[in-house]
Amino acid sequence: MSLVKLTIKGISYSQTQNGAYALILNEVDGERKLPIVIGAFEAQSIAIALEKEIKPPRPLTHDLFKNFADRFDIVVKQVIIHKLVDGVFFSSIICERDRIEEIIDARTSDAIALALRFSAPIFTYKNILDKAGIYLKINPEPENAENDDILSEPETFGTEEVSGEGYSQYSLQELNEMLEGAVQNEDYEKAAKIRDEISKRES
């Protein structure tokens, strides 16, 4: 399976889930975005890593891991979002020490927080992006170009209570039309939920 490189577009606060934030990953050389809702702590840690000028007075958990790894000559080479099962993303951290490579299982939010600190690339497999990615229009309206209020379900998204609620009565054709409309209106929280209802039926 071919790997697709991702970059971090940004983080936005969820208006519907208290304490939740959306991490938006961009497909490199493509138009799709992969939104994942993460917790407040992970969002803070990723935001601090993105803002190079911000340095907390004491190391956060991911900073501590980085300091620990540096001390013992462990390098994070890359992060791979390698599986999506029942709406849950599974990620791996590829590490190296003394030319020996190890693979460590991790939550996607933790893996990305560490990837930023090690300047390591982030990848996913094409089939995962095909299933969970959201297509964007190539020429968005200028006034909306900076609008990154993109929301999805949490890392454990995809359960019936979250993703299917309110959409089970629609046909696949109606869902696809609703998905296109939600993307055009930049209502990505709604788009992500419709996307998962479609994926659930097609699986």
N, C-alpha and C. Protein backbone atom coordinates (compact mmCIF):
# COMPACT_ATOMS: atom_id res chain seq x y z
N MET A 1 0.84 -1.20 0.00
CA MET A 1 0.00 0.00 0.00
C MET A 1 0.87 1.24 0.00
N SER A 2 0.47 2.22 -0.77
CA SER A 2 1.27 3.43 -0.89
C SER A 2 0.99 4.39 0.27
N LEU A 3 2.05 5.06 0.71
CA LEU A 3 1.94 6.03 1.78
C LEU A 3 1.68 7.41 1.21
N VAL A 4 0.89 8.20 1.93
CA VAL A 4 0.61 9.58 1.55
C VAL A 4 1.11 10.48 2.67
N LYS A 5 1.90 11.46 2.32
CA LYS A 5 2.44 12.38 3.33
C LYS A 5 1.40 13.41 3.71
N LEU A 6 1.36 13.73 5.01
CA LEU A 6 0.41 14.70 5.53
C LEU A 6 1.15 15.84 6.21
N THR A 7 0.54 17.00 6.18
CA THR A 7 1.04 18.14 6.95
C THR A 7 -0.08 18.61 7.88
N ILE A 8 0.29 19.37 8.86
CA ILE A 8 -0.71 19.88 9.81
C ILE A 8 -1.22 21.23 9.34
N LYS A 9 -2.52 21.30 9.11
CA LYS A 9 -3.14 22.55 8.68
C LYS A 9 -3.40 23.45 9.88
N GLY A 10 -3.85 22.88 10.99
CA GLY A 10 -4.12 23.69 12.16
C GLY A 10 -5.03 22.97 13.13
N ILE A 11 -5.45 23.70 14.15
CA ILE A 11 -6.32 23.18 15.19
C ILE A 11 -7.45 24.18 15.39
N SER A 12 -8.66 23.67 15.56
CA SER A 12 -9.78 24.56 15.84
C SER A 12 -10.60 23.99 16.98
N TYR A 13 -11.29 24.86 17.69
CA TYR A 13 -12.09 24.44 18.84
C TYR A 13 -13.44 23.93 18.39
N SER A 14 -13.86 22.82 18.95
CA SER A 14 -15.17 22.26 18.61
C SER A 14 -16.27 23.06 19.29
N GLN A 15 -17.23 23.50 18.49
CA GLN A 15 -18.35 24.25 19.03
C GLN A 15 -19.43 23.34 19.60
N THR A 16 -19.33 22.04 19.31
CA THR A 16 -20.39 21.12 19.75
C THR A 16 -19.94 20.13 20.80
N GLN A 17 -18.63 19.95 20.96
CA GLN A 17 -18.12 19.00 21.95
C GLN A 17 -17.23 19.75 22.92
N ASN A 18 -17.70 19.91 24.15
CA ASN A 18 -16.94 20.65 25.13
C ASN A 18 -15.59 20.01 25.38
N GLY A 19 -14.55 20.83 25.39
CA GLY A 19 -13.21 20.34 25.66
C GLY A 19 -12.56 19.60 24.51
N ALA A 20 -13.19 19.60 23.34
CA ALA A 20 -12.63 18.90 22.19
C ALA A 20 -12.10 19.88 21.16
N TYR A 21 -11.06 19.48 20.49
CA TYR A 21 -10.43 20.29 19.44
C TYR A 21 -10.26 19.45 18.19
N ALA A 22 -10.32 20.10 17.04
CA ALA A 22 -10.13 19.38 15.78
C ALA A 22 -8.72 19.61 15.27
N LEU A 23 -8.01 18.51 15.05
CA LEU A 23 -6.71 18.55 14.41
C LEU A 23 -6.93 18.28 12.93
N ILE A 24 -6.49 19.20 12.07
CA ILE A 24 -6.71 19.07 10.65
C ILE A 24 -5.40 18.75 9.95
N LEU A 25 -5.36 17.61 9.28
CA LEU A 25 -4.18 17.19 8.52
C LEU A 25 -4.46 17.38 7.04
N ASN A 26 -3.49 17.92 6.32
CA ASN A 26 -3.61 18.15 4.88
C ASN A 26 -2.87 17.08 4.11
N GLU A 27 -3.45 16.62 3.04
CA GLU A 27 -2.75 15.74 2.11
C GLU A 27 -1.75 16.58 1.31
N VAL A 28 -0.48 16.16 1.30
CA VAL A 28 0.53 16.85 0.49
C VAL A 28 0.27 16.49 -0.97
N ASP A 29 0.35 17.48 -1.84
CA ASP A 29 0.08 17.27 -3.27
C ASP A 29 -1.34 16.76 -3.51
N GLY A 30 -2.27 17.23 -2.73
CA GLY A 30 -3.66 16.82 -2.90
C GLY A 30 -4.60 17.83 -2.28
N GLU A 31 -5.90 17.57 -2.41
CA GLU A 31 -6.92 18.51 -1.95
C GLU A 31 -7.70 18.02 -0.75
N ARG A 32 -7.31 16.88 -0.19
CA ARG A 32 -8.10 16.32 0.90
C ARG A 32 -7.56 16.73 2.26
N LYS A 33 -8.48 16.80 3.22
CA LYS A 33 -8.12 17.05 4.61
C LYS A 33 -8.61 15.89 5.46
N LEU A 34 -7.84 15.58 6.48
CA LEU A 34 -8.19 14.50 7.38
C LEU A 34 -8.41 15.10 8.77
N PRO A 35 -9.67 15.32 9.17
CA PRO A 35 -9.94 15.94 10.47
C PRO A 35 -10.10 14.89 11.57
N ILE A 36 -9.45 15.13 12.70
CA ILE A 36 -9.56 14.23 13.85
C ILE A 36 -9.75 15.09 15.09
N VAL A 37 -10.78 14.80 15.87
CA VAL A 37 -10.98 15.55 17.10
C VAL A 37 -10.12 14.94 18.20
N ILE A 38 -9.44 15.80 18.94
CA ILE A 38 -8.52 15.38 19.99
C ILE A 38 -8.89 16.10 21.29
N GLY A 39 -8.30 15.66 22.38
CA GLY A 39 -8.56 16.27 23.66
C GLY A 39 -7.83 17.59 23.85
N ALA A 40 -8.20 18.30 24.90
CA ALA A 40 -7.64 19.63 25.15
C ALA A 40 -6.14 19.57 25.43
N PHE A 41 -5.70 18.58 26.21
CA PHE A 41 -4.27 18.50 26.53
C PHE A 41 -3.43 18.25 25.28
N GLU A 42 -3.88 17.30 24.45
CA GLU A 42 -3.14 17.00 23.22
C GLU A 42 -3.15 18.20 22.28
N ALA A 43 -4.29 18.90 22.22
CA ALA A 43 -4.37 20.10 21.37
C ALA A 43 -3.39 21.16 21.84
N GLN A 44 -3.30 21.35 23.17
CA GLN A 44 -2.36 22.32 23.72
C GLN A 44 -0.92 21.93 23.38
N SER A 45 -0.62 20.65 23.53
CA SER A 45 0.74 20.18 23.27
C SER A 45 1.13 20.36 21.80
N ILE A 46 0.20 20.05 20.91
CA ILE A 46 0.48 20.22 19.48
C ILE A 46 0.60 21.70 19.13
N ALA A 47 -0.28 22.53 19.70
CA ALA A 47 -0.24 23.97 19.43
C ALA A 47 1.09 24.58 19.88
N ILE A 48 1.58 24.15 21.03
CA ILE A 48 2.85 24.68 21.53
C ILE A 48 3.99 24.26 20.62
N ALA A 49 3.93 23.03 20.11
CA ALA A 49 4.97 22.57 19.20
C ALA A 49 4.91 23.31 17.87
N LEU A 50 3.71 23.68 17.44
CA LEU A 50 3.56 24.44 16.19
C LEU A 50 4.07 25.86 16.35
N GLU A 51 3.80 26.45 17.51
CA GLU A 51 4.26 27.81 17.78
C GLU A 51 5.65 27.74 18.41
N LYS A 52 6.65 27.81 17.57
CA LYS A 52 8.03 27.59 18.03
C LYS A 52 8.45 28.57 19.12
N GLU A 53 7.82 29.75 19.13
CA GLU A 53 8.25 30.78 20.07
C GLU A 53 7.69 30.55 21.48
N ILE A 54 6.70 29.68 21.61
CA ILE A 54 6.09 29.42 22.91
C ILE A 54 6.85 28.29 23.61
N LYS A 55 7.33 28.57 24.80
CA LYS A 55 8.05 27.55 25.55
C LYS A 55 7.50 27.53 26.97
N PRO A 56 6.85 26.43 27.37
CA PRO A 56 6.30 26.36 28.73
C PRO A 56 7.41 26.37 29.77
N PRO A 57 7.14 26.90 30.96
CA PRO A 57 8.17 26.97 32.01
C PRO A 57 8.66 25.59 32.45
N ARG A 58 7.78 24.61 32.40
CA ARG A 58 8.15 23.23 32.72
C ARG A 58 7.76 22.35 31.54
N PRO A 59 8.52 21.29 31.27
CA PRO A 59 8.21 20.46 30.10
C PRO A 59 6.87 19.74 30.22
N LEU A 60 6.11 19.78 29.13
CA LEU A 60 4.90 18.98 29.06
C LEU A 60 5.28 17.51 28.86
N THR A 61 4.31 16.64 28.91
CA THR A 61 4.58 15.21 28.79
C THR A 61 5.34 14.88 27.50
N HIS A 62 4.93 15.48 26.39
CA HIS A 62 5.60 15.19 25.12
C HIS A 62 6.99 15.81 25.08
N ASP A 63 7.17 16.94 25.76
CA ASP A 63 8.51 17.52 25.86
C ASP A 63 9.42 16.63 26.69
N LEU A 64 8.85 16.07 27.76
CA LEU A 64 9.61 15.16 28.60
C LEU A 64 10.05 13.93 27.81
N PHE A 65 9.14 13.39 27.00
CA PHE A 65 9.48 12.24 26.16
C PHE A 65 10.62 12.61 25.21
N LYS A 66 10.55 13.82 24.63
CA LYS A 66 11.61 14.27 23.71
C LYS A 66 12.94 14.38 24.45
N ASN A 67 12.92 14.96 25.65
CA ASN A 67 14.16 15.08 26.43
C ASN A 67 14.72 13.71 26.78
N PHE A 68 13.82 12.81 27.15
CA PHE A 68 14.22 11.44 27.50
C PHE A 68 14.85 10.75 26.28
N ALA A 69 14.19 10.88 25.13
CA ALA A 69 14.70 10.24 23.92
C ALA A 69 16.05 10.83 23.51
N ASP A 70 16.19 12.16 23.62
CA ASP A 70 17.47 12.79 23.28
C ASP A 70 18.58 12.28 24.18
N ARG A 71 18.29 12.13 25.45
CA ARG A 71 19.30 11.69 26.41
C ARG A 71 19.82 10.28 26.07
N PHE A 72 18.92 9.44 25.56
CA PHE A 72 19.30 8.06 25.25
C PHE A 72 19.44 7.81 23.75
N ASP A 73 19.64 8.89 23.00
CA ASP A 73 19.92 8.80 21.56
C ASP A 73 18.85 8.04 20.78
N ILE A 74 17.59 8.29 21.14
CA ILE A 74 16.48 7.70 20.41
C ILE A 74 15.90 8.78 19.48
N VAL A 75 15.72 8.43 18.23
CA VAL A 75 15.22 9.39 17.25
C VAL A 75 13.89 8.88 16.68
N VAL A 76 12.90 9.75 16.63
CA VAL A 76 11.64 9.43 15.96
C VAL A 76 11.82 9.74 14.48
N LYS A 77 11.77 8.71 13.65
CA LYS A 77 12.02 8.88 12.22
C LYS A 77 10.77 9.30 11.46
N GLN A 78 9.62 8.71 11.82
CA GLN A 78 8.37 9.07 11.15
C GLN A 78 7.19 8.53 11.95
N VAL A 79 6.02 9.06 11.62
CA VAL A 79 4.77 8.61 12.22
C VAL A 79 3.87 8.15 11.09
N ILE A 80 3.21 6.99 11.29
CA ILE A 80 2.31 6.47 10.27
C ILE A 80 0.95 6.19 10.89
N ILE A 81 -0.08 6.83 10.35
CA ILE A 81 -1.46 6.49 10.71
C ILE A 81 -1.79 5.28 9.85
N HIS A 82 -1.72 4.09 10.44
CA HIS A 82 -1.67 2.88 9.63
C HIS A 82 -2.98 2.10 9.55
N LYS A 83 -3.97 2.45 10.39
CA LYS A 83 -5.19 1.65 10.37
C LYS A 83 -6.37 2.49 10.83
N LEU A 84 -7.53 2.16 10.28
CA LEU A 84 -8.78 2.80 10.68
C LEU A 84 -9.82 1.70 10.81
N VAL A 85 -10.19 1.39 12.05
CA VAL A 85 -11.12 0.30 12.32
C VAL A 85 -12.29 0.83 13.15
N ASP A 86 -13.50 0.67 12.63
CA ASP A 86 -14.69 1.13 13.33
C ASP A 86 -14.56 2.58 13.79
N GLY A 87 -13.95 3.41 12.94
CA GLY A 87 -13.83 4.82 13.23
C GLY A 87 -12.66 5.19 14.13
N VAL A 88 -11.83 4.22 14.52
CA VAL A 88 -10.71 4.50 15.41
C VAL A 88 -9.41 4.50 14.59
N PHE A 89 -8.65 5.58 14.69
CA PHE A 89 -7.34 5.66 14.03
C PHE A 89 -6.28 4.97 14.88
N PHE A 90 -5.43 4.19 14.24
CA PHE A 90 -4.29 3.56 14.89
C PHE A 90 -3.02 4.12 14.27
N SER A 91 -2.07 4.52 15.11
CA SER A 91 -0.83 5.10 14.61
C SER A 91 0.39 4.39 15.18
N SER A 92 1.48 4.50 14.45
CA SER A 92 2.75 3.92 14.88
C SER A 92 3.83 4.99 14.83
N ILE A 93 4.70 4.96 15.82
CA ILE A 93 5.87 5.83 15.86
C ILE A 93 7.08 4.96 15.48
N ILE A 94 7.76 5.34 14.42
CA ILE A 94 8.94 4.60 13.97
C ILE A 94 10.18 5.27 14.60
N CYS A 95 10.83 4.54 15.48
CA CYS A 95 11.98 5.07 16.22
C CYS A 95 13.26 4.35 15.80
N GLU A 96 14.39 4.99 16.08
CA GLU A 96 15.67 4.35 15.78
C GLU A 96 16.69 4.68 16.86
N ARG A 97 17.43 3.67 17.27
CA ARG A 97 18.53 3.84 18.23
C ARG A 97 19.62 2.85 17.88
N ASP A 98 20.85 3.35 17.75
CA ASP A 98 22.00 2.51 17.37
C ASP A 98 21.70 1.72 16.09
N ARG A 99 21.05 2.40 15.14
CA ARG A 99 20.71 1.83 13.84
C ARG A 99 19.72 0.66 13.92
N ILE A 100 19.07 0.53 15.06
CA ILE A 100 18.03 -0.49 15.23
C ILE A 100 16.69 0.21 15.24
N GLU A 101 15.80 -0.21 14.36
CA GLU A 101 14.50 0.43 14.22
C GLU A 101 13.45 -0.30 15.05
N GLU A 102 12.64 0.47 15.75
CA GLU A 102 11.56 -0.07 16.56
C GLU A 102 10.25 0.62 16.18
N ILE A 103 9.15 -0.10 16.30
CA ILE A 103 7.83 0.46 16.01
C ILE A 103 7.01 0.46 17.29
N ILE A 104 6.51 1.63 17.67
CA ILE A 104 5.76 1.78 18.91
C ILE A 104 4.34 2.23 18.59
N ASP A 105 3.37 1.53 19.15
CA ASP A 105 1.96 1.88 18.97
C ASP A 105 1.64 3.14 19.77
N ALA A 106 0.80 4.03 19.22
CA ALA A 106 0.48 5.28 19.91
C ALA A 106 -0.86 5.82 19.43
N ARG A 107 -1.48 6.63 20.28
CA ARG A 107 -2.64 7.37 19.83
C ARG A 107 -2.17 8.37 18.78
N THR A 108 -3.04 8.66 17.84
CA THR A 108 -2.67 9.56 16.75
C THR A 108 -2.26 10.94 17.27
N SER A 109 -2.98 11.45 18.24
CA SER A 109 -2.67 12.78 18.77
C SER A 109 -1.29 12.80 19.43
N ASP A 110 -0.96 11.76 20.20
CA ASP A 110 0.35 11.69 20.84
C ASP A 110 1.45 11.53 19.79
N ALA A 111 1.20 10.69 18.81
CA ALA A 111 2.20 10.45 17.77
C ALA A 111 2.52 11.75 17.01
N ILE A 112 1.49 12.53 16.72
CA ILE A 112 1.71 13.78 15.98
C ILE A 112 2.40 14.81 16.86
N ALA A 113 2.04 14.86 18.14
CA ALA A 113 2.71 15.79 19.06
C ALA A 113 4.21 15.49 19.12
N LEU A 114 4.56 14.21 19.08
CA LEU A 114 5.98 13.83 19.10
C LEU A 114 6.64 14.07 17.75
N ALA A 115 5.91 13.80 16.67
CA ALA A 115 6.47 14.02 15.34
C ALA A 115 6.89 15.48 15.16
N LEU A 116 6.08 16.40 15.67
CA LEU A 116 6.42 17.82 15.59
C LEU A 116 7.71 18.13 16.33
N ARG A 117 7.88 17.53 17.49
CA ARG A 117 9.06 17.81 18.30
C ARG A 117 10.33 17.21 17.72
N PHE A 118 10.17 16.17 16.94
CA PHE A 118 11.34 15.54 16.30
C PHE A 118 11.47 15.95 14.84
N SER A 119 10.61 16.84 14.38
CA SER A 119 10.58 17.25 12.96
C SER A 119 10.47 16.02 12.06
N ALA A 120 9.66 15.07 12.47
CA ALA A 120 9.49 13.82 11.72
C ALA A 120 8.27 13.93 10.81
N PRO A 121 8.34 13.33 9.64
CA PRO A 121 7.20 13.38 8.72
C PRO A 121 6.03 12.51 9.20
N ILE A 122 4.83 12.87 8.76
CA ILE A 122 3.61 12.15 9.12
C ILE A 122 3.02 11.56 7.84
N PHE A 123 2.68 10.28 7.91
CA PHE A 123 2.12 9.60 6.75
C PHE A 123 0.84 8.85 7.12
N THR A 124 0.05 8.56 6.10
CA THR A 124 -1.04 7.60 6.24
C THR A 124 -1.10 6.81 4.95
N TYR A 125 -1.85 5.72 4.97
CA TYR A 125 -1.99 4.93 3.76
C TYR A 125 -3.11 5.50 2.89
N LYS A 126 -2.96 5.30 1.60
CA LYS A 126 -3.91 5.86 0.64
C LYS A 126 -5.34 5.38 0.92
N ASN A 127 -5.49 4.10 1.29
CA ASN A 127 -6.84 3.59 1.51
C ASN A 127 -7.52 4.25 2.71
N ILE A 128 -6.72 4.66 3.70
CA ILE A 128 -7.29 5.37 4.86
C ILE A 128 -7.75 6.76 4.46
N LEU A 129 -6.92 7.43 3.66
CA LEU A 129 -7.30 8.77 3.20
C LEU A 129 -8.50 8.70 2.27
N ASP A 130 -8.57 7.65 1.45
CA ASP A 130 -9.73 7.47 0.58
C ASP A 130 -11.01 7.31 1.39
N LYS A 131 -10.89 6.64 2.53
CA LYS A 131 -12.07 6.36 3.34
C LYS A 131 -12.46 7.53 4.24
N ALA A 132 -11.48 8.20 4.83
CA ALA A 132 -11.78 9.21 5.86
C ALA A 132 -11.47 10.64 5.45
N GLY A 133 -10.79 10.82 4.32
CA GLY A 133 -10.45 12.18 3.90
C GLY A 133 -11.65 12.93 3.35
N ILE A 134 -11.60 14.25 3.44
CA ILE A 134 -12.66 15.11 2.92
C ILE A 134 -12.08 15.92 1.77
N TYR A 135 -12.73 15.83 0.62
CA TYR A 135 -12.28 16.60 -0.55
C TYR A 135 -12.68 18.06 -0.41
N LEU A 136 -11.78 18.92 -0.84
CA LEU A 136 -12.06 20.35 -0.86
C LEU A 136 -12.10 20.83 -2.30
N LYS A 137 -12.79 21.94 -2.51
CA LYS A 137 -12.82 22.55 -3.82
C LYS A 137 -11.44 23.15 -4.11
N ILE A 138 -11.02 23.07 -5.38
CA ILE A 138 -9.69 23.55 -5.75
C ILE A 138 -9.59 25.05 -5.62
N ASN A 139 -10.70 25.77 -5.92
CA ASN A 139 -10.68 27.23 -5.87
C ASN A 139 -11.68 27.74 -4.85
N PRO A 140 -11.32 27.72 -3.56
CA PRO A 140 -12.25 28.22 -2.55
C PRO A 140 -12.40 29.72 -2.66
N GLU A 141 -13.52 30.22 -2.12
CA GLU A 141 -13.75 31.66 -2.12
C GLU A 141 -12.67 32.33 -1.26
N PRO A 142 -12.13 33.48 -1.71
CA PRO A 142 -11.07 34.14 -0.97
C PRO A 142 -11.44 34.45 0.47
N GLU A 143 -12.69 34.86 0.70
CA GLU A 143 -13.05 35.23 2.05
C GLU A 143 -13.10 34.03 2.98
N ASN A 144 -13.17 32.82 2.42
CA ASN A 144 -13.21 31.63 3.24
C ASN A 144 -11.87 30.90 3.28
N ALA A 145 -10.88 31.46 2.60
CA ALA A 145 -9.62 30.75 2.46
C ALA A 145 -8.94 30.50 3.78
N GLU A 146 -9.14 31.38 4.75
CA GLU A 146 -8.47 31.23 6.04
C GLU A 146 -9.35 30.58 7.09
N ASN A 147 -10.52 30.14 6.68
CA ASN A 147 -11.45 29.55 7.65
C ASN A 147 -11.10 28.10 7.90
N ASP A 148 -10.51 27.80 9.05
CA ASP A 148 -10.10 26.44 9.37
C ASP A 148 -10.95 25.86 10.48
N ASP A 149 -12.18 26.30 10.57
CA ASP A 149 -13.06 25.78 11.62
C ASP A 149 -13.61 24.42 11.18
N ILE A 150 -12.68 23.45 11.07
CA ILE A 150 -13.00 22.15 10.53
C ILE A 150 -13.08 21.16 11.67
N LEU A 151 -14.20 20.48 11.79
CA LEU A 151 -14.40 19.59 12.92
C LEU A 151 -14.77 18.19 12.46
N SER A 152 -14.43 17.21 13.28
CA SER A 152 -14.76 15.83 13.01
C SER A 152 -15.13 15.17 14.32
N GLU A 153 -15.16 13.86 14.34
CA GLU A 153 -15.41 13.12 15.55
C GLU A 153 -14.12 12.93 16.32
N PRO A 154 -14.19 12.45 17.56
CA PRO A 154 -12.96 12.22 18.30
C PRO A 154 -12.15 11.08 17.72
N GLU A 155 -10.97 10.83 18.28
CA GLU A 155 -10.13 9.75 17.79
C GLU A 155 -10.87 8.43 17.83
N THR A 156 -11.81 8.30 18.73
CA THR A 156 -12.64 7.10 18.77
C THR A 156 -13.96 7.37 18.06
N PHE A 157 -13.91 8.21 17.00
CA PHE A 157 -15.13 8.54 16.29
C PHE A 157 -15.57 7.37 15.44
N GLY A 158 -16.82 7.44 14.99
CA GLY A 158 -17.33 6.43 14.10
C GLY A 158 -18.36 5.53 14.76
N THR A 159 -18.60 5.68 16.06
CA THR A 159 -19.62 4.88 16.71
C THR A 159 -20.99 5.39 16.29
N GLU A 160 -21.99 4.55 16.45
CA GLU A 160 -23.33 4.94 16.00
C GLU A 160 -23.82 6.18 16.73
N GLU A 161 -23.46 6.30 18.02
CA GLU A 161 -23.96 7.44 18.78
C GLU A 161 -23.44 8.76 18.23
N VAL A 162 -22.24 8.74 17.62
CA VAL A 162 -21.65 9.99 17.14
C VAL A 162 -21.88 10.20 15.66
N SER A 163 -21.45 9.20 14.84
CA SER A 163 -21.40 9.47 13.41
C SER A 163 -22.70 9.24 12.69
N GLY A 164 -23.53 8.32 13.17
CA GLY A 164 -24.72 7.99 12.43
C GLY A 164 -25.95 8.72 12.87
N GLU A 165 -25.84 9.44 13.96
CA GLU A 165 -27.01 10.08 14.54
C GLU A 165 -27.62 11.08 13.58
N GLY A 166 -28.90 10.89 13.27
CA GLY A 166 -29.62 11.85 12.45
C GLY A 166 -29.50 11.62 10.96
N TYR A 167 -28.71 10.63 10.50
CA TYR A 167 -28.50 10.43 9.07
C TYR A 167 -28.93 9.05 8.57
N SER A 168 -29.39 8.20 9.47
CA SER A 168 -29.72 6.83 9.08
C SER A 168 -30.93 6.76 8.16
N GLN A 169 -31.77 7.78 8.17
CA GLN A 169 -32.99 7.72 7.37
C GLN A 169 -32.77 8.16 5.92
N TYR A 170 -31.57 8.66 5.61
CA TYR A 170 -31.32 9.16 4.25
C TYR A 170 -30.73 8.07 3.36
N SER A 171 -30.99 8.17 2.06
CA SER A 171 -30.41 7.24 1.10
C SER A 171 -28.96 7.64 0.83
N LEU A 172 -28.20 6.72 0.19
CA LEU A 172 -26.80 7.01 -0.13
C LEU A 172 -26.69 8.22 -1.06
N GLN A 173 -27.59 8.31 -2.02
CA GLN A 173 -27.56 9.45 -2.94
C GLN A 173 -27.79 10.76 -2.18
N GLU A 174 -28.76 10.75 -1.27
CA GLU A 174 -29.05 11.95 -0.48
C GLU A 174 -27.86 12.30 0.41
N LEU A 175 -27.24 11.27 0.98
CA LEU A 175 -26.08 11.52 1.85
C LEU A 175 -24.92 12.13 1.07
N ASN A 176 -24.69 11.63 -0.14
CA ASN A 176 -23.61 12.18 -0.96
C ASN A 176 -23.88 13.63 -1.35
N GLU A 177 -25.15 13.94 -1.64
CA GLU A 177 -25.51 15.32 -1.96
C GLU A 177 -25.34 16.21 -0.73
N MET A 178 -25.73 15.69 0.44
CA MET A 178 -25.57 16.45 1.68
C MET A 178 -24.10 16.66 2.00
N LEU A 179 -23.28 15.64 1.73
CA LEU A 179 -21.84 15.76 1.98
C LEU A 179 -21.22 16.85 1.12
N GLU A 180 -21.60 16.87 -0.17
CA GLU A 180 -21.07 17.90 -1.06
C GLU A 180 -21.49 19.29 -0.60
N GLY A 181 -22.75 19.41 -0.18
CA GLY A 181 -23.23 20.71 0.30
C GLY A 181 -22.52 21.15 1.57
N ALA A 182 -22.28 20.21 2.49
CA ALA A 182 -21.61 20.55 3.74
C ALA A 182 -20.18 21.02 3.49
N VAL A 183 -19.49 20.36 2.55
CA VAL A 183 -18.12 20.75 2.22
C VAL A 183 -18.10 22.13 1.58
N GLN A 184 -19.05 22.38 0.67
CA GLN A 184 -19.12 23.69 0.01
C GLN A 184 -19.38 24.80 1.02
N ASN A 185 -20.17 24.49 2.05
CA ASN A 185 -20.48 25.48 3.08
C ASN A 185 -19.44 25.51 4.21
N GLU A 186 -18.40 24.68 4.05
CA GLU A 186 -17.33 24.57 5.03
C GLU A 186 -17.84 24.17 6.41
N ASP A 187 -18.90 23.38 6.41
CA ASP A 187 -19.42 22.80 7.65
C ASP A 187 -18.81 21.41 7.78
N TYR A 188 -17.54 21.37 8.20
CA TYR A 188 -16.78 20.13 8.15
C TYR A 188 -17.15 19.16 9.27
N GLU A 189 -17.70 19.67 10.33
CA GLU A 189 -18.17 18.76 11.38
C GLU A 189 -19.32 17.91 10.83
N LYS A 190 -20.26 18.56 10.17
CA LYS A 190 -21.38 17.85 9.56
C LYS A 190 -20.88 16.92 8.46
N ALA A 191 -19.94 17.41 7.66
CA ALA A 191 -19.40 16.61 6.56
C ALA A 191 -18.75 15.34 7.06
N ALA A 192 -18.00 15.45 8.15
CA ALA A 192 -17.31 14.27 8.69
C ALA A 192 -18.31 13.23 9.18
N LYS A 193 -19.39 13.68 9.80
CA LYS A 193 -20.40 12.74 10.30
C LYS A 193 -21.12 12.05 9.14
N ILE A 194 -21.43 12.83 8.09
CA ILE A 194 -22.08 12.23 6.92
C ILE A 194 -21.12 11.25 6.25
N ARG A 195 -19.86 11.64 6.15
CA ARG A 195 -18.85 10.77 5.55
C ARG A 195 -18.80 9.42 6.25
N ASP A 196 -18.87 9.43 7.57
CA ASP A 196 -18.77 8.17 8.33
C ASP A 196 -20.03 7.33 8.18
N GLU A 197 -21.18 7.98 8.03
CA GLU A 197 -22.42 7.22 7.78
C GLU A 197 -22.33 6.53 6.43
N ILE A 198 -21.77 7.23 5.43
CA ILE A 198 -21.60 6.64 4.11
C ILE A 198 -20.62 5.47 4.18
N SER A 199 -19.49 5.67 4.87
CA SER A 199 -18.48 4.62 4.99
C SER A 199 -19.03 3.39 5.69
N LYS A 200 -19.86 3.63 6.71
CA LYS A 200 -20.44 2.52 7.47
C LYS A 200 -21.33 1.65 6.56
N ARG A 201 -22.08 2.31 5.67
CA ARG A 201 -22.97 1.56 4.79
C ARG A 201 -22.22 0.84 3.69
N GLU A 202 -21.10 1.43 3.25
CA GLU A 202 -20.35 0.84 2.13
C GLU A 202 -19.38 -0.25 2.59
N SER A 203 -19.13 -0.33 3.89
CA SER A 203 -18.19 -1.33 4.39
C SER A 203 -18.82 -2.72 4.47
